[in-house]
Protein backbone atom coordinates (compact mmCIF):
# COMPACT_ATOMS: atom_id res chain seq x y z
CA MET A 1 -52.29 53.97 -16.17
CA THR A 2 -53.02 55.97 -19.31
CA LEU A 3 -56.70 56.73 -19.29
CA LEU A 4 -57.69 56.36 -22.90
CA GLU A 5 -60.70 54.61 -21.36
CA LEU A 6 -62.06 58.01 -20.29
CA LEU A 7 -62.57 58.87 -23.95
CA PRO A 8 -65.95 58.12 -25.52
CA THR A 9 -66.60 54.94 -27.43
CA GLY A 10 -67.96 54.89 -30.95
CA ALA A 11 -68.18 52.90 -34.15
CA THR A 12 -64.43 52.30 -34.23
CA VAL A 13 -63.91 51.66 -30.49
CA ALA A 14 -64.58 48.67 -28.23
CA GLN A 15 -63.73 48.46 -24.54
CA TRP A 16 -64.25 46.06 -21.65
CA SER A 17 -62.86 45.26 -18.21
CA VAL A 18 -59.94 42.86 -17.88
CA TRP A 19 -56.96 42.39 -15.52
CA SER A 20 -58.29 45.04 -13.08
CA THR A 21 -58.14 47.63 -15.83
CA ILE A 22 -59.79 48.52 -19.15
CA ALA A 23 -59.01 46.97 -22.51
CA ARG A 24 -59.67 49.37 -25.37
CA VAL A 25 -59.38 48.61 -29.08
CA VAL A 26 -59.55 51.33 -31.72
CA VAL A 27 -59.52 50.59 -35.45
CA THR A 28 -59.58 52.80 -38.50
CA ASP A 29 -62.43 50.86 -40.16
CA PRO A 30 -65.69 50.36 -38.22
CA ALA A 31 -66.45 47.17 -40.16
CA ALA A 32 -63.35 45.54 -38.65
CA LEU A 33 -64.22 46.26 -35.02
CA PRO A 34 -66.03 43.00 -34.07
CA ALA A 35 -63.25 40.86 -35.54
CA ALA A 36 -60.60 43.08 -33.93
CA ARG A 37 -62.14 42.63 -30.50
CA ASP A 38 -62.29 38.86 -30.98
CA LEU A 39 -58.59 38.78 -31.90
CA VAL A 40 -57.59 40.87 -28.88
CA GLU A 41 -59.72 38.83 -26.50
CA ALA A 42 -58.08 35.65 -27.80
CA GLN A 43 -54.62 37.11 -27.20
CA ILE A 44 -55.57 38.16 -23.68
CA GLU A 45 -56.97 34.72 -22.84
CA ALA A 46 -53.85 32.97 -24.14
CA VAL A 47 -51.60 35.18 -22.02
CA ASP A 48 -53.84 34.82 -18.97
CA ALA A 49 -53.80 31.03 -19.21
CA ALA A 50 -50.02 31.07 -19.49
CA ALA A 51 -48.95 33.78 -17.07
CA SER A 52 -51.62 34.69 -14.49
CA ARG A 53 -50.48 34.39 -10.86
CA PHE A 54 -54.13 34.45 -9.84
CA ARG A 55 -55.28 31.35 -11.75
CA PRO A 56 -54.50 28.01 -10.09
CA ASP A 57 -54.59 26.36 -13.53
CA SER A 58 -52.12 28.76 -15.20
CA GLU A 59 -48.77 27.58 -16.48
CA VAL A 60 -46.76 29.79 -14.11
CA GLN A 61 -48.60 28.26 -11.16
CA ARG A 62 -47.89 24.77 -12.47
CA LEU A 63 -44.24 25.75 -12.88
CA ALA A 64 -44.17 26.95 -9.27
CA GLY A 65 -45.56 23.62 -8.13
CA SER A 66 -43.06 21.56 -10.13
CA THR A 67 -40.14 19.78 -8.48
CA ALA A 68 -38.21 19.63 -11.76
CA ARG A 69 -35.54 22.14 -12.76
CA SER A 70 -36.47 21.96 -16.46
CA THR A 71 -40.03 21.98 -17.76
CA GLN A 72 -41.63 22.08 -21.21
CA VAL A 73 -43.98 25.05 -21.61
CA SER A 74 -46.27 26.46 -24.28
CA PRO A 75 -44.92 28.73 -27.02
CA VAL A 76 -46.79 31.65 -25.42
CA LEU A 77 -45.20 31.19 -22.01
CA ALA A 78 -41.76 30.59 -23.51
CA GLU A 79 -42.07 33.88 -25.40
CA LEU A 80 -43.32 35.75 -22.33
CA ILE A 81 -40.47 34.49 -20.14
CA THR A 82 -37.90 35.21 -22.87
CA THR A 83 -39.27 38.74 -23.13
CA ALA A 84 -39.16 39.22 -19.36
CA LEU A 85 -35.53 38.05 -19.20
CA ALA A 86 -34.54 40.41 -22.01
CA VAL A 87 -36.19 43.30 -20.14
CA ALA A 88 -34.38 42.31 -16.93
CA ALA A 89 -31.05 42.38 -18.76
CA ARG A 90 -31.84 45.72 -20.43
CA THR A 91 -32.78 47.35 -17.10
CA ASP A 92 -29.86 45.88 -15.12
CA GLY A 93 -32.31 43.83 -13.08
CA ASP A 94 -34.66 46.68 -12.14
CA VAL A 95 -37.54 44.76 -13.74
CA ASP A 96 -37.15 41.17 -12.57
CA PRO A 97 -39.67 38.35 -13.17
CA THR A 98 -38.56 36.36 -10.11
CA VAL A 99 -40.36 38.60 -7.58
CA GLY A 100 -43.53 36.49 -7.55
CA ALA A 101 -43.01 35.10 -4.06
CA ALA A 102 -42.10 38.57 -2.78
CA LEU A 103 -45.40 39.98 -4.07
CA VAL A 104 -47.30 37.16 -2.39
CA GLY A 105 -45.41 37.95 0.81
CA LEU A 106 -46.55 41.55 0.53
CA GLY A 107 -50.14 40.40 0.27
CA TYR A 108 -50.56 40.73 -3.49
CA ASP A 109 -51.76 37.16 -3.92
CA ARG A 110 -55.04 37.84 -5.72
CA ASP A 111 -56.61 40.34 -8.07
CA VAL A 112 -55.98 43.82 -6.68
CA ARG A 113 -59.72 44.51 -6.59
CA GLU A 114 -60.02 41.80 -3.95
CA LEU A 115 -57.36 43.38 -1.73
CA SER A 116 -59.40 46.44 -0.77
CA GLY A 117 -59.69 46.64 2.99
CA GLN A 118 -57.30 43.74 3.59
CA SER A 119 -55.00 44.30 6.56
CA PRO A 120 -53.25 41.05 7.51
CA PRO A 121 -51.21 41.35 10.70
CA ALA A 122 -48.10 39.67 9.29
CA PRO A 123 -45.06 41.99 9.41
CA ILE A 124 -43.37 43.19 6.25
CA SER A 125 -39.63 42.66 5.88
CA ALA A 126 -36.99 42.87 3.16
CA ARG A 127 -35.83 39.65 1.53
CA ARG A 128 -33.78 38.45 -1.41
CA THR A 129 -35.26 37.40 -4.72
CA PRO A 130 -33.73 34.49 -6.66
CA GLY A 131 -32.77 36.85 -9.49
CA TRP A 132 -33.52 36.69 -13.20
CA ARG A 133 -30.20 35.01 -14.04
CA ALA A 134 -31.52 31.88 -12.28
CA VAL A 135 -33.98 31.41 -15.17
CA SER A 136 -33.24 30.36 -18.74
CA VAL A 137 -35.27 29.43 -21.80
CA ARG A 138 -34.12 27.19 -24.64
CA GLY A 139 -36.81 26.52 -27.20
CA LEU A 140 -39.84 25.48 -25.15
CA THR A 141 -37.78 24.34 -22.16
CA VAL A 142 -37.67 26.59 -19.09
CA THR A 143 -34.97 25.91 -16.51
CA MET A 144 -35.21 27.50 -13.06
CA PRO A 145 -35.06 26.57 -9.37
CA PRO A 146 -37.94 24.29 -8.37
CA GLY A 147 -40.79 26.08 -6.62
CA MET A 148 -40.03 29.54 -8.02
CA LEU A 149 -43.11 31.68 -8.70
CA LEU A 150 -42.63 33.98 -11.66
CA ASP A 151 -44.39 37.32 -11.89
CA LEU A 152 -44.62 38.36 -15.53
CA GLY A 153 -47.11 41.17 -14.99
CA ALA A 154 -44.67 43.97 -15.78
CA THR A 155 -43.97 42.67 -19.27
CA ALA A 156 -46.84 40.33 -20.18
CA LYS A 157 -49.44 43.10 -20.43
CA ALA A 158 -47.18 45.19 -22.64
CA TRP A 159 -46.38 42.15 -24.80
CA THR A 160 -50.10 41.47 -25.15
CA ALA A 161 -50.73 45.05 -26.32
CA ASP A 162 -47.92 44.80 -28.89
CA SER A 163 -48.95 41.39 -30.21
CA SER A 164 -52.66 42.26 -30.27
CA ALA A 165 -52.16 45.47 -32.25
CA SER A 166 -49.93 43.65 -34.74
CA VAL A 167 -52.36 40.76 -35.18
CA VAL A 168 -55.30 43.10 -35.77
CA ALA A 169 -53.40 45.22 -38.29
CA ASP A 170 -51.91 42.24 -40.14
CA ARG A 171 -55.02 40.07 -40.33
CA LEU A 172 -57.63 42.76 -40.89
CA GLY A 173 -55.60 45.26 -42.90
CA VAL A 174 -56.53 48.23 -40.71
CA GLY A 175 -54.83 50.65 -38.39
CA ALA A 176 -55.13 49.51 -34.78
CA LEU A 177 -54.53 50.87 -31.31
CA VAL A 178 -54.72 48.50 -28.34
CA SER A 179 -54.72 49.89 -24.81
CA LEU A 180 -54.48 47.66 -21.74
CA GLY A 181 -54.55 50.16 -18.92
CA GLY A 182 -51.25 51.97 -19.06
CA ASP A 183 -49.88 49.90 -21.95
CA ILE A 184 -50.68 51.19 -25.44
CA ALA A 185 -49.49 49.80 -28.77
CA THR A 186 -50.28 50.85 -32.33
CA ALA A 187 -49.88 49.12 -35.67
CA GLY A 188 -50.90 49.70 -39.26
CA PRO A 189 -51.87 53.06 -40.78
CA PRO A 190 -53.06 55.65 -38.22
CA PRO A 191 -56.26 57.68 -38.57
CA PRO A 192 -56.03 61.20 -40.06
CA GLY A 193 -54.05 63.32 -37.61
CA GLY A 194 -52.50 60.28 -35.89
CA TRP A 195 -53.46 58.51 -32.67
CA HIS A 196 -54.37 60.94 -29.86
CA VAL A 197 -53.72 59.59 -26.38
CA LEU A 198 -54.79 61.15 -23.08
CA VAL A 199 -52.01 60.62 -20.53
CA ARG A 200 -53.29 60.70 -16.95
CA ASP A 201 -53.42 58.30 -14.03
CA GLN A 202 -56.11 59.37 -11.58
CA PRO A 203 -58.84 62.03 -11.83
CA GLY A 204 -57.32 65.37 -10.84
CA ASP A 205 -53.79 64.36 -11.81
CA PRO A 206 -51.81 66.48 -14.28
CA CYS A 207 -52.70 65.37 -17.80
CA CYS A 208 -51.79 65.91 -21.42
CA THR A 209 -52.92 64.64 -24.80
CA VAL A 210 -50.15 63.51 -27.13
CA GLY A 211 -50.11 62.35 -30.72
CA LEU A 212 -48.54 59.01 -31.58
CA PRO A 213 -47.41 58.27 -35.14
CA ALA A 214 -47.87 54.84 -36.68
CA GLY A 215 -46.12 52.03 -34.85
CA VAL A 216 -45.21 54.03 -31.74
CA ALA A 217 -46.17 52.72 -28.28
CA LEU A 218 -46.64 54.37 -24.91
CA ALA A 219 -46.49 52.88 -21.41
CA THR A 220 -47.28 54.41 -18.04
CA SER A 221 -46.17 52.91 -14.72
CA SER A 222 -47.80 54.12 -11.51
CA THR A 223 -47.29 53.86 -7.76
CA VAL A 224 -50.90 54.86 -7.01
CA SER A 225 -53.17 52.76 -9.23
CA ARG A 226 -52.61 49.33 -7.64
CA ARG A 227 -52.38 49.82 -3.90
CA TRP A 228 -53.44 47.89 -0.82
CA ARG A 229 -52.91 48.01 2.92
CA ARG A 230 -51.00 45.39 4.87
CA ALA A 231 -49.85 45.47 8.49
CA GLY A 232 -50.81 49.12 8.69
CA GLN A 233 -48.77 50.12 5.63
CA MET A 234 -50.00 51.27 2.23
CA LEU A 235 -48.20 49.29 -0.47
CA HIS A 236 -48.03 49.34 -4.26
CA HIS A 237 -47.19 46.73 -6.87
CA VAL A 238 -43.89 48.05 -8.32
CA VAL A 239 -41.31 46.07 -6.37
CA ASP A 240 -37.59 46.81 -6.13
CA PRO A 241 -36.02 43.36 -6.74
CA ARG A 242 -33.07 44.26 -4.52
CA THR A 243 -35.24 44.59 -1.41
CA CYS A 244 -38.45 42.87 -2.55
CA LEU A 245 -40.30 45.86 -1.10
CA PRO A 246 -42.34 48.46 -3.00
CA ALA A 247 -40.13 51.05 -4.67
CA PRO A 248 -40.03 54.48 -2.98
CA ASP A 249 -42.82 56.88 -4.01
CA GLN A 250 -40.43 59.29 -5.73
CA TRP A 251 -42.66 59.27 -8.81
CA ARG A 252 -46.42 59.15 -8.95
CA THR A 253 -46.28 58.06 -12.60
CA VAL A 254 -43.69 57.63 -15.33
CA SER A 255 -44.75 57.52 -19.00
CA VAL A 256 -42.41 56.58 -21.85
CA THR A 257 -42.83 56.30 -25.62
CA ALA A 258 -40.85 53.76 -27.68
CA ASP A 259 -41.08 51.60 -30.77
CA SER A 260 -42.78 48.83 -28.77
CA CYS A 261 -44.90 48.72 -25.67
CA VAL A 262 -42.52 46.19 -24.10
CA ALA A 263 -39.62 48.64 -24.52
CA ALA A 264 -41.66 51.57 -23.19
CA ASN A 265 -42.89 49.58 -20.20
CA ALA A 266 -39.39 48.37 -19.37
CA LEU A 267 -38.18 51.95 -19.05
CA SER A 268 -41.24 53.30 -17.23
CA THR A 269 -41.19 50.49 -14.66
CA ALA A 270 -37.42 50.68 -14.16
CA ALA A 271 -37.71 54.43 -13.66
CA ILE A 272 -40.14 53.89 -10.79
CA VAL A 273 -37.69 51.44 -9.22
CA ARG A 274 -34.71 53.78 -9.70
CA GLY A 275 -36.42 56.71 -7.98
CA ALA A 276 -34.37 59.91 -8.08
CA ALA A 277 -31.78 58.26 -10.33
CA ALA A 278 -34.38 57.76 -13.07
CA LEU A 279 -34.22 61.28 -14.46
CA PRO A 280 -30.50 61.31 -15.43
CA TRP A 281 -30.80 57.70 -16.59
CA LEU A 282 -33.66 58.47 -18.97
CA ARG A 283 -31.84 61.60 -20.18
CA HIS A 284 -28.75 59.52 -20.91
CA LEU A 285 -30.84 57.03 -22.90
CA GLY A 286 -32.60 59.83 -24.79
CA ALA A 287 -35.93 58.20 -23.94
CA PRO A 288 -39.01 60.41 -24.43
CA ALA A 289 -40.50 60.38 -20.94
CA ARG A 290 -42.92 62.26 -18.70
CA LEU A 291 -42.45 61.93 -14.94
CA VAL A 292 -44.92 63.15 -12.33
CA THR A 293 -43.51 63.59 -8.83
CA SER A 294 -45.36 62.50 -5.71
CA ARG A 295 -46.42 66.16 -5.31
CA GLY A 296 -47.73 66.45 -8.85
CA ARG A 297 -44.87 68.29 -10.54
CA VAL A 298 -44.42 67.29 -14.19
CA LEU A 299 -40.97 66.78 -15.74
CA THR A 300 -40.29 65.75 -19.33
CA VAL A 301 -37.11 64.52 -21.00
CA GLY A 302 -35.88 63.08 -24.28
CA GLY A 303 -38.23 64.91 -26.63
CA TRP A 304 -41.49 63.89 -25.00
CA PRO A 305 -44.26 64.44 -27.59
CA ALA A 306 -45.80 67.89 -27.71
CA GLU A 307 -49.42 68.43 -26.78
CA ALA A 308 -51.58 67.25 -29.66
CA SER A 309 -53.92 69.71 -31.32
CA ARG A 310 -57.54 68.94 -30.66
């Protein structure tokens, strides 16, 4: 995750804990900060009610409990699923929203903070996921196999950052940066000198501070930030849909910049899944990316932003 939350707060910054990470809102006008936080909190709550795997009353849990193939859903969930399917298509299935049951099978069935010290004896084995092509959205109607549990975590957080930054900028007429852990979106006019973002996952990791121009987003995917132990194995939350097991630890983190947080997150998550093949793939796409190997070596491709002047 990108640790903007390590930076100090002030008159233009609000931050709070949510989704096992830190939400941080930065605006260019201090007078707009209370309203900006309210707008972002409302967006987060709407997404949580629609897409949380950890809320028994969420829409995705109700979908999983339905015996019908087609179900009417809220506009928020329809948009989140549509976004997840578009990301799956763009990444050739590397980022697949149908891995919900696989994550539960790996023990990730509650907030990651509640998994510390858990060591269930059940063995871990590869399985097949239903696949994103088994899901479709038309208007507010979602069609998918009955009983399927969707996991929208890879895209929903990024979508929330994008939508929150846009709502704050549009409604309040200010520049806005919204950070939800490793997902950062900007909208509206930036502060003098642009948005400065500290890119680092864990204390002691290689870090850099980059400048983001107006409207540019940054996403970081990590194999070390959300980990738990099961059956004697240390696992992480980035699952390869082809095996339904955690992706190999080729990369400690992958950070990508793009014109939206959803686009940046799609590439950073897919790069984790692709392992060694990620580097030539990102080069071919021309995506500005920073990859940190499991041993801490830093590689950059695609015109990754230069270190910002302090």
